[in-house]
Amino acid sequence: MTAKTYLEETLRRRQELLEEMGRMAEMLRRALGVADSELERLQELQGGILRLVLTVPDPMERRVLFHRCYCGMSWKQIAEKLDISEGSARRRHQAALKHLAMPDGR
């Protein structure tokens, strides 16, 4: 390979890499835009969940509902955290759900 062909090949590959990096950067910008919008939606949903949870009058039911619906904890984790049985956690969760008024009036 001559120096001239080496340089031409190097420049061609450099240009290909720059173009590919540009395409990847655009894909990343789009992905970040989607992620931002999804994160915003998640924050709205979490705010709605928290507002609903706070309407439950019984403190223990409210805590069970918070840990289950807001934190996504398992029945076992909730039972351990609140020092109650899993069955009690489930019963309190059911009772808490009966107190909730859905935003659309249901």
N, C-alpha and C. Protein backbone atom coordinates (compact mmCIF):
# COMPACT_ATOMS: atom_id res chain seq x y z
N MET A 1 0.86 -1.17 0.00
CA MET A 1 0.00 0.00 0.00
C MET A 1 0.90 1.23 0.00
N THR A 2 0.59 2.17 -0.84
CA THR A 2 1.38 3.40 -0.90
C THR A 2 0.92 4.36 0.19
N ALA A 3 1.71 5.32 0.47
CA ALA A 3 1.37 6.32 1.48
C ALA A 3 0.10 7.06 1.08
N LYS A 4 -0.03 7.33 -0.23
CA LYS A 4 -1.21 8.05 -0.72
C LYS A 4 -2.48 7.22 -0.49
N THR A 5 -2.46 5.93 -0.85
CA THR A 5 -3.65 5.09 -0.66
C THR A 5 -3.93 4.89 0.82
N TYR A 6 -2.87 4.79 1.62
CA TYR A 6 -3.06 4.66 3.07
C TYR A 6 -3.78 5.88 3.63
N LEU A 7 -3.33 7.05 3.23
CA LEU A 7 -3.96 8.29 3.71
C LEU A 7 -5.39 8.41 3.20
N GLU A 8 -5.63 8.07 1.96
CA GLU A 8 -6.99 8.11 1.42
C GLU A 8 -7.91 7.17 2.18
N GLU A 9 -7.42 5.95 2.43
CA GLU A 9 -8.21 4.95 3.17
C GLU A 9 -8.48 5.43 4.59
N THR A 10 -7.47 6.01 5.21
CA THR A 10 -7.62 6.53 6.57
C THR A 10 -8.65 7.65 6.60
N LEU A 11 -8.60 8.55 5.65
CA LEU A 11 -9.57 9.65 5.59
C LEU A 11 -10.98 9.12 5.33
N ARG A 12 -11.11 8.12 4.45
CA ARG A 12 -12.41 7.54 4.17
C ARG A 12 -12.99 6.90 5.42
N ARG A 13 -12.17 6.14 6.13
CA ARG A 13 -12.63 5.48 7.36
C ARG A 13 -12.98 6.51 8.44
N ARG A 14 -12.17 7.56 8.51
CA ARG A 14 -12.45 8.62 9.48
C ARG A 14 -13.81 9.24 9.19
N GLN A 15 -14.09 9.53 7.91
CA GLN A 15 -15.37 10.12 7.53
C GLN A 15 -16.52 9.17 7.86
N GLU A 16 -16.36 7.88 7.59
CA GLU A 16 -17.39 6.89 7.92
C GLU A 16 -17.66 6.87 9.42
N LEU A 17 -16.59 6.90 10.20
CA LEU A 17 -16.75 6.90 11.66
C LEU A 17 -17.45 8.15 12.15
N LEU A 18 -17.09 9.29 11.59
CA LEU A 18 -17.75 10.54 11.98
C LEU A 18 -19.23 10.51 11.65
N GLU A 19 -19.57 9.98 10.47
CA GLU A 19 -20.97 9.88 10.09
C GLU A 19 -21.72 8.93 11.02
N GLU A 20 -21.10 7.80 11.34
CA GLU A 20 -21.72 6.84 12.25
C GLU A 20 -21.90 7.45 13.64
N MET A 21 -20.91 8.19 14.10
CA MET A 21 -21.02 8.85 15.39
C MET A 21 -22.14 9.87 15.37
N GLY A 22 -22.32 10.57 14.27
CA GLY A 22 -23.42 11.52 14.14
C GLY A 22 -24.77 10.83 14.22
N ARG A 23 -24.90 9.68 13.52
CA ARG A 23 -26.15 8.91 13.59
C ARG A 23 -26.40 8.43 15.02
N MET A 24 -25.36 7.95 15.67
CA MET A 24 -25.50 7.46 17.05
C MET A 24 -25.87 8.60 18.00
N ALA A 25 -25.27 9.76 17.79
CA ALA A 25 -25.58 10.92 18.65
C ALA A 25 -27.05 11.32 18.49
N GLU A 26 -27.55 11.27 17.25
CA GLU A 26 -28.95 11.61 17.01
C GLU A 26 -29.87 10.59 17.68
N MET A 27 -29.52 9.31 17.57
CA MET A 27 -30.31 8.27 18.22
C MET A 27 -30.32 8.47 19.74
N LEU A 28 -29.17 8.83 20.28
CA LEU A 28 -29.07 9.08 21.72
C LEU A 28 -29.91 10.28 22.13
N ARG A 29 -29.89 11.35 21.32
CA ARG A 29 -30.71 12.52 21.63
C ARG A 29 -32.19 12.15 21.65
N ARG A 30 -32.62 11.35 20.66
CA ARG A 30 -34.02 10.92 20.63
C ARG A 30 -34.36 10.06 21.84
N ALA A 31 -33.47 9.12 22.17
CA ALA A 31 -33.70 8.23 23.31
C ALA A 31 -33.79 9.03 24.61
N LEU A 32 -32.93 10.01 24.76
CA LEU A 32 -32.96 10.83 25.97
C LEU A 32 -34.24 11.65 26.05
N GLY A 33 -34.73 12.10 24.92
CA GLY A 33 -35.99 12.84 24.90
C GLY A 33 -37.14 11.95 25.34
N VAL A 34 -37.16 10.72 24.85
CA VAL A 34 -38.21 9.77 25.25
C VAL A 34 -38.07 9.46 26.73
N ALA A 35 -36.84 9.24 27.18
CA ALA A 35 -36.61 8.93 28.59
C ALA A 35 -37.07 10.07 29.49
N ASP A 36 -36.78 11.30 29.09
CA ASP A 36 -37.20 12.46 29.88
C ASP A 36 -38.72 12.52 29.97
N SER A 37 -39.38 12.27 28.86
CA SER A 37 -40.84 12.33 28.86
C SER A 37 -41.43 11.20 29.69
N GLU A 38 -40.83 10.02 29.62
CA GLU A 38 -41.31 8.89 30.43
C GLU A 38 -41.05 9.14 31.91
N LEU A 39 -39.92 9.73 32.23
CA LEU A 39 -39.61 10.06 33.62
C LEU A 39 -40.61 11.07 34.17
N GLU A 40 -40.95 12.05 33.37
CA GLU A 40 -41.94 13.04 33.79
C GLU A 40 -43.29 12.37 34.05
N ARG A 41 -43.68 11.46 33.17
CA ARG A 41 -44.95 10.74 33.34
C ARG A 41 -44.91 9.89 34.60
N LEU A 42 -43.79 9.23 34.85
CA LEU A 42 -43.64 8.41 36.06
C LEU A 42 -43.77 9.27 37.31
N GLN A 43 -43.17 10.44 37.29
CA GLN A 43 -43.26 11.34 38.44
C GLN A 43 -44.70 11.79 38.67
N GLU A 44 -45.43 12.04 37.59
CA GLU A 44 -46.84 12.41 37.72
C GLU A 44 -47.64 11.26 38.34
N LEU A 45 -47.39 10.05 37.87
CA LEU A 45 -48.09 8.88 38.40
C LEU A 45 -47.77 8.66 39.87
N GLN A 46 -46.49 8.80 40.23
CA GLN A 46 -46.11 8.62 41.62
C GLN A 46 -46.75 9.68 42.51
N GLY A 47 -46.85 10.90 42.00
CA GLY A 47 -47.52 11.96 42.76
C GLY A 47 -48.99 11.61 42.98
N GLY A 48 -49.63 11.08 41.96
CA GLY A 48 -51.03 10.67 42.09
C GLY A 48 -51.20 9.54 43.08
N ILE A 49 -50.30 8.58 43.04
CA ILE A 49 -50.35 7.46 43.99
C ILE A 49 -50.20 8.00 45.41
N LEU A 50 -49.23 8.87 45.60
CA LEU A 50 -48.99 9.41 46.94
C LEU A 50 -50.19 10.19 47.45
N ARG A 51 -50.79 10.99 46.59
CA ARG A 51 -51.98 11.75 47.00
C ARG A 51 -53.11 10.81 47.42
N LEU A 52 -53.30 9.72 46.67
CA LEU A 52 -54.33 8.74 47.03
C LEU A 52 -54.01 8.06 48.35
N VAL A 53 -52.76 7.65 48.50
CA VAL A 53 -52.35 6.95 49.73
C VAL A 53 -52.62 7.83 50.94
N LEU A 54 -52.34 9.10 50.81
CA LEU A 54 -52.51 10.02 51.95
C LEU A 54 -53.96 10.23 52.34
N THR A 55 -54.91 9.79 51.52
CA THR A 55 -56.32 9.94 51.87
C THR A 55 -56.81 8.82 52.79
N VAL A 56 -56.01 7.78 52.96
CA VAL A 56 -56.42 6.65 53.81
C VAL A 56 -56.32 7.09 55.27
N PRO A 57 -57.42 7.01 56.02
CA PRO A 57 -57.41 7.54 57.39
C PRO A 57 -56.59 6.72 58.39
N ASP A 58 -56.56 5.41 58.27
CA ASP A 58 -55.85 4.58 59.24
C ASP A 58 -54.35 4.59 58.93
N PRO A 59 -53.52 4.98 59.92
CA PRO A 59 -52.07 5.09 59.67
C PRO A 59 -51.41 3.78 59.23
N MET A 60 -51.78 2.66 59.82
CA MET A 60 -51.15 1.40 59.45
C MET A 60 -51.57 0.98 58.04
N GLU A 61 -52.84 1.15 57.72
CA GLU A 61 -53.31 0.84 56.37
C GLU A 61 -52.59 1.74 55.35
N ARG A 62 -52.44 2.99 55.72
CA ARG A 62 -51.76 3.95 54.85
C ARG A 62 -50.31 3.52 54.61
N ARG A 63 -49.64 3.09 55.67
CA ARG A 63 -48.24 2.65 55.53
C ARG A 63 -48.13 1.41 54.66
N VAL A 64 -49.03 0.45 54.86
CA VAL A 64 -49.02 -0.76 54.03
C VAL A 64 -49.24 -0.38 52.57
N LEU A 65 -50.23 0.46 52.32
CA LEU A 65 -50.53 0.88 50.96
C LEU A 65 -49.34 1.62 50.34
N PHE A 66 -48.72 2.48 51.10
CA PHE A 66 -47.55 3.23 50.63
C PHE A 66 -46.44 2.27 50.22
N HIS A 67 -46.11 1.35 51.11
CA HIS A 67 -45.00 0.43 50.82
C HIS A 67 -45.31 -0.48 49.64
N ARG A 68 -46.56 -0.86 49.50
CA ARG A 68 -46.93 -1.77 48.41
C ARG A 68 -47.04 -1.03 47.08
N CYS A 69 -47.79 0.07 47.06
CA CYS A 69 -48.10 0.74 45.80
C CYS A 69 -47.08 1.79 45.38
N TYR A 70 -46.46 2.45 46.32
CA TYR A 70 -45.51 3.50 45.98
C TYR A 70 -44.09 2.95 45.90
N CYS A 71 -43.74 2.10 46.86
CA CYS A 71 -42.37 1.56 46.90
C CYS A 71 -42.24 0.23 46.16
N GLY A 72 -43.37 -0.43 45.91
CA GLY A 72 -43.32 -1.71 45.19
C GLY A 72 -42.77 -2.86 46.00
N MET A 73 -42.92 -2.79 47.31
CA MET A 73 -42.39 -3.83 48.19
C MET A 73 -43.26 -5.09 48.14
N SER A 74 -42.64 -6.22 48.40
CA SER A 74 -43.37 -7.48 48.48
C SER A 74 -44.09 -7.56 49.83
N TRP A 75 -45.04 -8.51 49.91
CA TRP A 75 -45.77 -8.69 51.18
C TRP A 75 -44.78 -9.04 52.30
N LYS A 76 -43.81 -9.85 51.98
CA LYS A 76 -42.81 -10.24 52.99
C LYS A 76 -42.01 -9.02 53.47
N GLN A 77 -41.59 -8.19 52.54
CA GLN A 77 -40.83 -6.99 52.91
C GLN A 77 -41.67 -6.04 53.76
N ILE A 78 -42.92 -5.88 53.38
CA ILE A 78 -43.82 -5.00 54.15
C ILE A 78 -44.00 -5.56 55.55
N ALA A 79 -44.25 -6.86 55.66
CA ALA A 79 -44.46 -7.49 56.96
C ALA A 79 -43.24 -7.28 57.85
N GLU A 80 -42.06 -7.48 57.29
CA GLU A 80 -40.84 -7.29 58.08
C GLU A 80 -40.65 -5.83 58.46
N LYS A 81 -40.88 -4.94 57.53
CA LYS A 81 -40.69 -3.51 57.79
C LYS A 81 -41.63 -2.99 58.88
N LEU A 82 -42.89 -3.47 58.85
CA LEU A 82 -43.89 -2.96 59.79
C LEU A 82 -44.10 -3.87 61.00
N ASP A 83 -43.33 -4.96 61.03
CA ASP A 83 -43.40 -5.93 62.13
C ASP A 83 -44.83 -6.48 62.30
N ILE A 84 -45.39 -6.92 61.17
CA ILE A 84 -46.70 -7.57 61.17
C ILE A 84 -46.59 -8.81 60.29
N SER A 85 -47.61 -9.65 60.32
CA SER A 85 -47.58 -10.85 59.47
C SER A 85 -47.93 -10.47 58.03
N GLU A 86 -47.57 -11.33 57.10
CA GLU A 86 -47.91 -11.09 55.70
C GLU A 86 -49.42 -11.05 55.52
N GLY A 87 -50.12 -11.94 56.22
CA GLY A 87 -51.58 -11.96 56.14
C GLY A 87 -52.18 -10.65 56.61
N SER A 88 -51.63 -10.13 57.70
CA SER A 88 -52.11 -8.85 58.22
C SER A 88 -51.82 -7.72 57.22
N ALA A 89 -50.66 -7.79 56.59
CA ALA A 89 -50.32 -6.77 55.59
C ALA A 89 -51.33 -6.80 54.45
N ARG A 90 -51.68 -8.00 54.00
CA ARG A 90 -52.65 -8.13 52.90
C ARG A 90 -54.04 -7.63 53.32
N ARG A 91 -54.45 -7.99 54.53
CA ARG A 91 -55.76 -7.54 55.00
C ARG A 91 -55.82 -6.02 55.13
N ARG A 92 -54.75 -5.45 55.66
CA ARG A 92 -54.72 -3.99 55.81
C ARG A 92 -54.69 -3.29 54.44
N HIS A 93 -54.03 -3.93 53.50
CA HIS A 93 -53.99 -3.40 52.14
C HIS A 93 -55.40 -3.39 51.54
N GLN A 94 -56.10 -4.49 51.69
CA GLN A 94 -57.48 -4.58 51.19
C GLN A 94 -58.37 -3.53 51.85
N ALA A 95 -58.22 -3.38 53.15
CA ALA A 95 -59.01 -2.38 53.87
C ALA A 95 -58.67 -0.97 53.37
N ALA A 96 -57.40 -0.72 53.14
CA ALA A 96 -56.97 0.60 52.66
C ALA A 96 -57.56 0.89 51.29
N LEU A 97 -57.60 -0.11 50.43
CA LEU A 97 -58.15 0.08 49.08
C LEU A 97 -59.62 0.51 49.13
N LYS A 98 -60.33 0.04 50.14
CA LYS A 98 -61.75 0.41 50.26
C LYS A 98 -61.93 1.88 50.60
N HIS A 99 -60.90 2.51 51.16
CA HIS A 99 -60.98 3.93 51.53
C HIS A 99 -60.66 4.85 50.37
N LEU A 100 -60.09 4.31 49.32
CA LEU A 100 -59.62 5.17 48.24
C LEU A 100 -60.77 5.65 47.36
N ALA A 101 -60.71 6.91 47.03
CA ALA A 101 -61.63 7.49 46.06
C ALA A 101 -60.83 7.75 44.80
N MET A 102 -61.17 7.10 43.72
CA MET A 102 -60.43 7.27 42.49
C MET A 102 -60.66 8.68 41.92
N PRO A 103 -59.65 9.24 41.24
CA PRO A 103 -59.77 10.61 40.72
C PRO A 103 -60.94 10.79 39.76
N ASP A 104 -61.35 9.73 39.06
CA ASP A 104 -62.46 9.87 38.10
C ASP A 104 -63.80 9.61 38.77
N GLY A 105 -63.83 9.51 40.11
CA GLY A 105 -65.07 9.36 40.85
C GLY A 105 -65.53 7.93 41.08
N ARG A 106 -64.76 6.97 40.62
CA ARG A 106 -65.16 5.56 40.84
C ARG A 106 -64.85 5.11 42.23
